[in-house]
Amino acid sequence: MTVRVRFAPSPTGYLHIGGARTALYSYLFAKANGGKYILRIEDTDLERSKREYEEAQIADLKWMGIEHDEGPDKGGDFGPYRQSERLQIYKDIAWDFVKRGLAYPCFLTSIELERLTEKATSENKDPHAYHGQFRDLDPAQAQKRIDAGEEYVIRFKNPGKTWEFTDLVKGHVKFPENMVGDFVILRANGMPVYNFCCVVDDAKMEMTHVFRAEEHLNNTCRQLMIYDAMGVTPPSFGHVSLLIGHDRQKLSKRHGATSVTQYK
């Protein structure tokens, strides 16, 4: 098995040193194991994503000596390497989930969601307690509402089981059964959410290992559900510690130079 590791920045700003460190870990792991290091651009935030940021991030990585084997500027067998160019892939898989009864169109408006969340809070229940209102709606009825132009998102059905895995850094991790409810995978504007498109891409691009900041640890619960629904074995995860400043808080702009460009 060829080791395949990726670094997947969002081009909404310059390369942060935390991201640069994750890229370095990924690159070194891939090369130490005779594998491939892939650069994927997660640009589904169309309003904030800019090509100039993407180009700057690539330039900073190359300045650090981190050269990718596959990516948007190089191509490869698993492209496209920009998520904005893979939207049909996400839509097809989301609707395949719907057809298989693993996901469903949800017609709750933002106002209704807010009210349901307030209701759950007042009853000391999880915020997602009432979000599955449309999970058992007849598919024909759902399609009728869609055809009528009603706005909707696609939610994934939490199968109601305990999820666990062995992290390369944290060791054994186990998530409680009710940690998440039925979560959105496709927004009303047709754009995929991070926890969905990230898994689809890692699966389609045959990633064997994923290194990322520990703040993503809880995301793994939802992602394991998507891997299971796709019938794909998840990659090995390694959640690394955050870079922190003198005040022991996550390193951010208030601490001064935090982008690779500024340090350079």
Protein backbone atom coordinates (compact mmCIF):
# COMPACT_ATOMS: atom_id res chain seq x y z
CA MET A 1 0.00 0.00 0.00
CA THR A 2 1.36 3.38 -1.00
CA VAL A 3 1.19 5.96 1.80
CA ARG A 4 -0.84 8.99 0.68
CA VAL A 5 -1.01 12.07 2.90
CA ARG A 6 -2.59 15.43 2.10
CA PHE A 7 -2.48 19.02 3.23
CA ALA A 8 -5.76 20.79 2.52
CA PRO A 9 -5.67 24.53 3.22
CA SER A 10 -8.52 26.97 2.66
CA PRO A 11 -7.45 29.88 0.42
CA THR A 12 -9.17 32.53 2.52
CA GLY A 13 -5.94 34.11 3.76
CA TYR A 14 -2.21 33.61 3.95
CA LEU A 15 -0.61 30.41 5.20
CA HIS A 16 -0.66 30.36 9.01
CA ILE A 17 2.34 28.81 10.79
CA GLY A 18 0.00 26.26 12.40
CA GLY A 19 -1.01 25.10 8.95
CA ALA A 20 2.60 25.17 7.82
CA ARG A 21 3.54 22.86 10.71
CA THR A 22 0.75 20.43 9.78
CA ALA A 23 1.95 20.51 6.17
CA LEU A 24 5.49 19.78 7.37
CA TYR A 25 4.35 16.81 9.47
CA SER A 26 2.36 15.44 6.54
CA TYR A 27 5.21 15.94 4.08
CA LEU A 28 7.83 14.34 6.31
CA PHE A 29 5.60 11.37 7.11
CA ALA A 30 4.87 10.76 3.44
CA LYS A 31 8.51 11.00 2.41
CA ALA A 32 9.76 8.89 5.33
CA ASN A 33 7.44 6.13 4.18
CA GLY A 34 8.15 6.42 0.46
CA GLY A 35 4.68 7.84 -0.12
CA LYS A 36 2.95 10.74 -1.83
CA TYR A 37 2.24 14.19 -0.41
CA ILE A 38 -0.83 15.81 -1.97
CA LEU A 39 -2.02 19.41 -1.89
CA ARG A 40 -5.80 19.87 -2.02
CA ILE A 41 -7.47 23.29 -1.98
CA GLU A 42 -10.65 23.47 0.13
CA ASP A 43 -12.28 26.50 -1.50
CA THR A 44 -16.00 25.88 -0.97
CA ASP A 45 -16.24 29.27 0.80
CA LEU A 46 -16.67 31.01 -2.53
CA GLU A 47 -17.04 34.50 -1.07
CA ARG A 48 -13.77 34.46 0.88
CA SER A 49 -11.63 32.15 -1.23
CA LYS A 50 -9.20 33.88 -3.58
CA ARG A 51 -6.79 32.46 -6.12
CA GLU A 52 -4.11 34.92 -4.96
CA TYR A 53 -4.19 33.32 -1.51
CA GLU A 54 -3.89 29.86 -3.03
CA GLU A 55 -0.86 30.94 -5.05
CA ALA A 56 0.70 32.63 -2.01
CA GLN A 57 0.21 29.49 0.11
CA ILE A 58 1.83 27.30 -2.53
CA ALA A 59 4.74 29.75 -2.81
CA ASP A 60 5.23 29.76 0.98
CA LEU A 61 5.20 25.96 1.13
CA LYS A 62 7.76 25.74 -1.66
CA TRP A 63 9.92 28.34 0.15
CA MET A 64 9.84 25.99 3.14
CA GLY A 65 11.00 23.13 0.92
CA ILE A 66 7.61 21.40 0.96
CA GLU A 67 6.93 20.32 -2.60
CA HIS A 68 3.71 18.41 -3.35
CA ASP A 69 3.53 15.44 -5.71
CA GLU A 70 -0.05 16.16 -6.80
CA GLY A 71 -2.08 19.35 -6.65
CA PRO A 72 -4.03 22.00 -8.56
CA ASP A 73 -0.92 23.36 -10.27
CA LYS A 74 0.53 19.93 -11.07
CA GLY A 75 -2.42 17.63 -11.70
CA GLY A 76 -2.44 13.93 -10.90
CA ASP A 77 -4.61 10.84 -11.17
CA PHE A 78 -7.08 11.92 -8.46
CA GLY A 79 -8.06 15.45 -9.55
CA PRO A 80 -9.52 17.95 -9.68
CA TYR A 81 -7.63 19.18 -6.61
CA ARG A 82 -9.85 22.19 -5.91
CA GLN A 83 -13.11 21.42 -4.12
CA SER A 84 -14.93 24.10 -6.13
CA GLU A 85 -14.28 21.92 -9.18
CA ARG A 86 -15.67 18.78 -7.51
CA LEU A 87 -19.18 19.96 -6.61
CA GLN A 88 -20.99 17.44 -8.80
CA ILE A 89 -19.16 14.60 -7.03
CA TYR A 90 -20.49 15.78 -3.65
CA LYS A 91 -24.04 16.24 -4.96
CA ASP A 92 -24.10 12.78 -6.53
CA ILE A 93 -22.96 11.10 -3.31
CA ALA A 94 -25.36 13.14 -1.15
CA TRP A 95 -28.31 12.12 -3.31
CA ASP A 96 -27.11 8.52 -3.38
CA PHE A 97 -27.32 8.64 0.44
CA VAL A 98 -30.87 9.97 0.15
CA LYS A 99 -31.87 7.15 -2.22
CA ARG A 100 -30.37 4.60 0.15
CA GLY A 101 -32.26 6.05 3.13
CA LEU A 102 -29.06 7.31 4.79
CA ALA A 103 -29.88 11.00 4.36
CA TYR A 104 -32.92 13.15 3.66
CA PRO A 105 -34.04 16.60 2.46
CA CYS A 106 -34.78 18.85 5.44
CA PHE A 107 -37.08 21.84 4.99
CA LEU A 108 -36.53 23.55 8.34
CA THR A 109 -35.91 27.27 7.94
CA SER A 110 -33.22 29.10 9.90
CA ILE A 111 -35.92 30.70 12.05
CA GLU A 112 -37.51 27.32 12.79
CA LEU A 113 -34.10 25.86 13.63
CA GLU A 114 -33.44 28.69 16.05
CA ARG A 115 -36.78 28.13 17.78
CA LEU A 116 -36.22 24.39 18.04
CA THR A 117 -32.74 24.95 19.49
CA GLU A 118 -34.20 27.33 22.09
CA LYS A 119 -36.87 24.77 22.92
CA ALA A 120 -34.27 22.04 23.42
CA THR A 121 -32.15 24.33 25.58
CA SER A 122 -35.12 25.22 27.78
CA GLU A 123 -35.80 21.50 28.26
CA ASN A 124 -32.11 20.72 29.00
CA LYS A 125 -31.83 18.63 25.85
CA ASP A 126 -29.13 18.55 23.20
CA PRO A 127 -29.59 21.34 20.61
CA HIS A 128 -30.04 18.74 17.87
CA ALA A 129 -32.89 17.01 19.72
CA TYR A 130 -35.57 18.38 17.39
CA HIS A 131 -33.59 18.84 14.18
CA GLY A 132 -34.63 15.49 12.69
CA GLN A 133 -38.18 16.60 12.04
CA PHE A 134 -38.13 15.52 8.38
CA ARG A 135 -36.08 12.31 8.67
CA ASP A 136 -39.11 10.08 8.09
CA LEU A 137 -40.90 12.22 5.51
CA ASP A 138 -42.15 10.18 2.54
CA PRO A 139 -39.59 10.56 -0.29
CA ALA A 140 -42.34 11.30 -2.82
CA GLN A 141 -43.68 14.08 -0.61
CA ALA A 142 -40.17 15.47 -0.17
CA GLN A 143 -39.63 15.49 -3.93
CA LYS A 144 -42.95 17.28 -4.40
CA ARG A 145 -41.81 20.06 -2.08
CA ILE A 146 -38.46 20.30 -3.87
CA ASP A 147 -40.17 20.50 -7.27
CA ALA A 148 -42.33 23.29 -5.90
CA GLY A 149 -39.17 25.31 -5.28
CA GLU A 150 -39.05 24.96 -1.50
CA GLU A 151 -35.63 25.57 0.03
CA TYR A 152 -33.97 22.59 1.68
CA VAL A 153 -30.70 21.13 2.92
CA ILE A 154 -29.67 17.49 2.96
CA ARG A 155 -29.11 15.97 6.38
CA PHE A 156 -27.28 12.76 7.12
CA LYS A 157 -29.10 10.35 9.43
CA ASN A 158 -27.14 9.57 12.56
CA PRO A 159 -27.39 5.76 12.60
CA GLY A 160 -27.44 5.78 16.42
CA LYS A 161 -24.33 3.86 17.41
CA THR A 162 -21.09 4.48 19.26
CA TRP A 163 -18.08 5.50 17.16
CA GLU A 164 -14.47 4.95 18.17
CA PHE A 165 -11.01 4.84 16.62
CA THR A 166 -7.34 4.80 17.54
CA ASP A 167 -5.64 8.14 16.99
CA LEU A 168 -1.92 8.13 16.16
CA VAL A 169 -1.37 10.87 18.75
CA LYS A 170 -4.25 10.68 21.22
CA GLY A 171 -4.64 6.94 21.40
CA HIS A 172 -8.09 5.37 21.79
CA VAL A 173 -10.95 7.83 21.24
CA LYS A 174 -14.62 6.97 21.80
CA PHE A 175 -17.56 9.26 21.04
CA PRO A 176 -20.91 9.02 22.89
CA GLU A 177 -23.85 7.78 20.85
CA ASN A 178 -25.84 11.01 21.18
CA MET A 179 -22.94 13.39 20.56
CA VAL A 180 -24.40 14.62 17.27
CA GLY A 181 -27.83 14.57 15.68
CA ASP A 182 -28.79 14.41 12.01
CA PHE A 183 -26.25 16.81 10.53
CA VAL A 184 -26.25 18.83 7.31
CA ILE A 185 -24.02 17.58 4.50
CA LEU A 186 -25.32 19.77 1.67
CA ARG A 187 -26.39 23.38 2.23
CA ALA A 188 -29.39 25.07 0.66
CA ASN A 189 -27.11 26.69 -1.94
CA GLY A 190 -25.84 23.27 -2.98
CA MET A 191 -22.44 23.67 -1.34
CA PRO A 192 -21.13 20.78 0.77
CA VAL A 193 -20.16 21.24 4.41
CA TYR A 194 -16.59 20.55 5.55
CA ASN A 195 -17.26 17.25 7.33
CA PHE A 196 -18.83 15.84 4.16
CA CYS A 197 -16.63 17.01 1.29
CA CYS A 198 -13.47 16.41 3.32
CA VAL A 199 -14.39 12.73 3.71
CA VAL A 200 -15.50 12.35 0.10
CA ASP A 201 -12.20 13.75 -1.12
CA ASP A 202 -10.03 11.75 1.28
CA ALA A 203 -11.88 8.59 0.22
CA LYS A 204 -11.80 9.33 -3.51
CA MET A 205 -8.16 10.40 -3.38
CA GLU A 206 -7.27 7.24 -1.42
CA MET A 207 -5.64 8.98 1.53
CA THR A 208 -4.07 6.54 3.98
CA HIS A 209 -3.21 9.02 6.76
CA VAL A 210 -4.60 12.39 7.84
CA PHE A 211 -2.73 14.77 10.14
CA ARG A 212 -4.54 17.83 11.47
CA ALA A 213 -4.94 20.03 14.54
CA GLU A 214 -6.59 18.57 17.62
CA GLU A 215 -9.47 21.07 17.27
CA HIS A 216 -10.71 18.76 14.50
CA LEU A 217 -10.90 15.75 16.80
CA ASN A 218 -14.65 16.03 17.42
CA ASN A 219 -15.27 16.33 13.68
CA THR A 220 -14.05 12.76 13.35
CA CYS A 221 -17.30 11.47 14.84
CA ARG A 222 -19.36 12.76 11.90
CA GLN A 223 -16.67 11.81 9.43
CA LEU A 224 -16.57 8.19 10.55
CA MET A 225 -20.30 7.99 9.78
CA ILE A 226 -19.70 9.24 6.23
CA TYR A 227 -16.85 6.77 5.65
CA ASP A 228 -19.12 3.98 6.86
CA ALA A 229 -21.93 5.08 4.53
CA MET A 230 -19.50 5.15 1.61
CA GLY A 231 -18.24 1.66 2.48
CA VAL A 232 -14.69 2.98 2.78
CA THR A 233 -12.11 2.19 5.45
CA PRO A 234 -11.14 5.49 7.13
CA PRO A 235 -7.53 6.67 6.97
CA SER A 236 -5.36 6.64 10.09
CA PHE A 237 -5.83 9.95 11.93
CA GLY A 238 -3.24 11.92 13.87
CA HIS A 239 -4.56 14.97 15.75
CA VAL A 240 -1.63 17.17 16.74
CA SER A 241 -1.50 19.80 19.46
CA LEU A 242 -2.28 23.44 18.72
CA LEU A 243 0.40 26.09 18.56
CA ILE A 244 -0.16 28.48 21.47
CA GLY A 245 1.11 31.91 22.47
CA HIS A 246 2.55 33.22 25.72
CA ASP A 247 -0.96 33.47 27.19
CA ARG A 248 -1.48 29.73 26.55
CA GLN A 249 -4.21 30.52 24.01
CA LYS A 250 -4.32 29.35 20.40
CA LEU A 251 -1.82 31.36 18.38
CA SER A 252 -3.60 34.07 16.43
CA LYS A 253 -2.97 37.44 14.83
CA ARG A 254 -2.95 39.22 18.19
CA HIS A 255 0.39 37.58 18.94
CA GLY A 256 2.10 39.34 16.06
CA ALA A 257 3.53 37.68 13.00
CA THR A 258 1.68 34.39 12.50
CA SER A 259 1.70 33.92 8.73
CA VAL A 260 4.63 32.33 6.94
CA THR A 261 4.80 35.40 4.69
CA GLN A 262 5.36 37.68 7.67
CA TYR A 263 8.07 35.46 9.12
CA LYS A 264 9.70 35.20 5.70
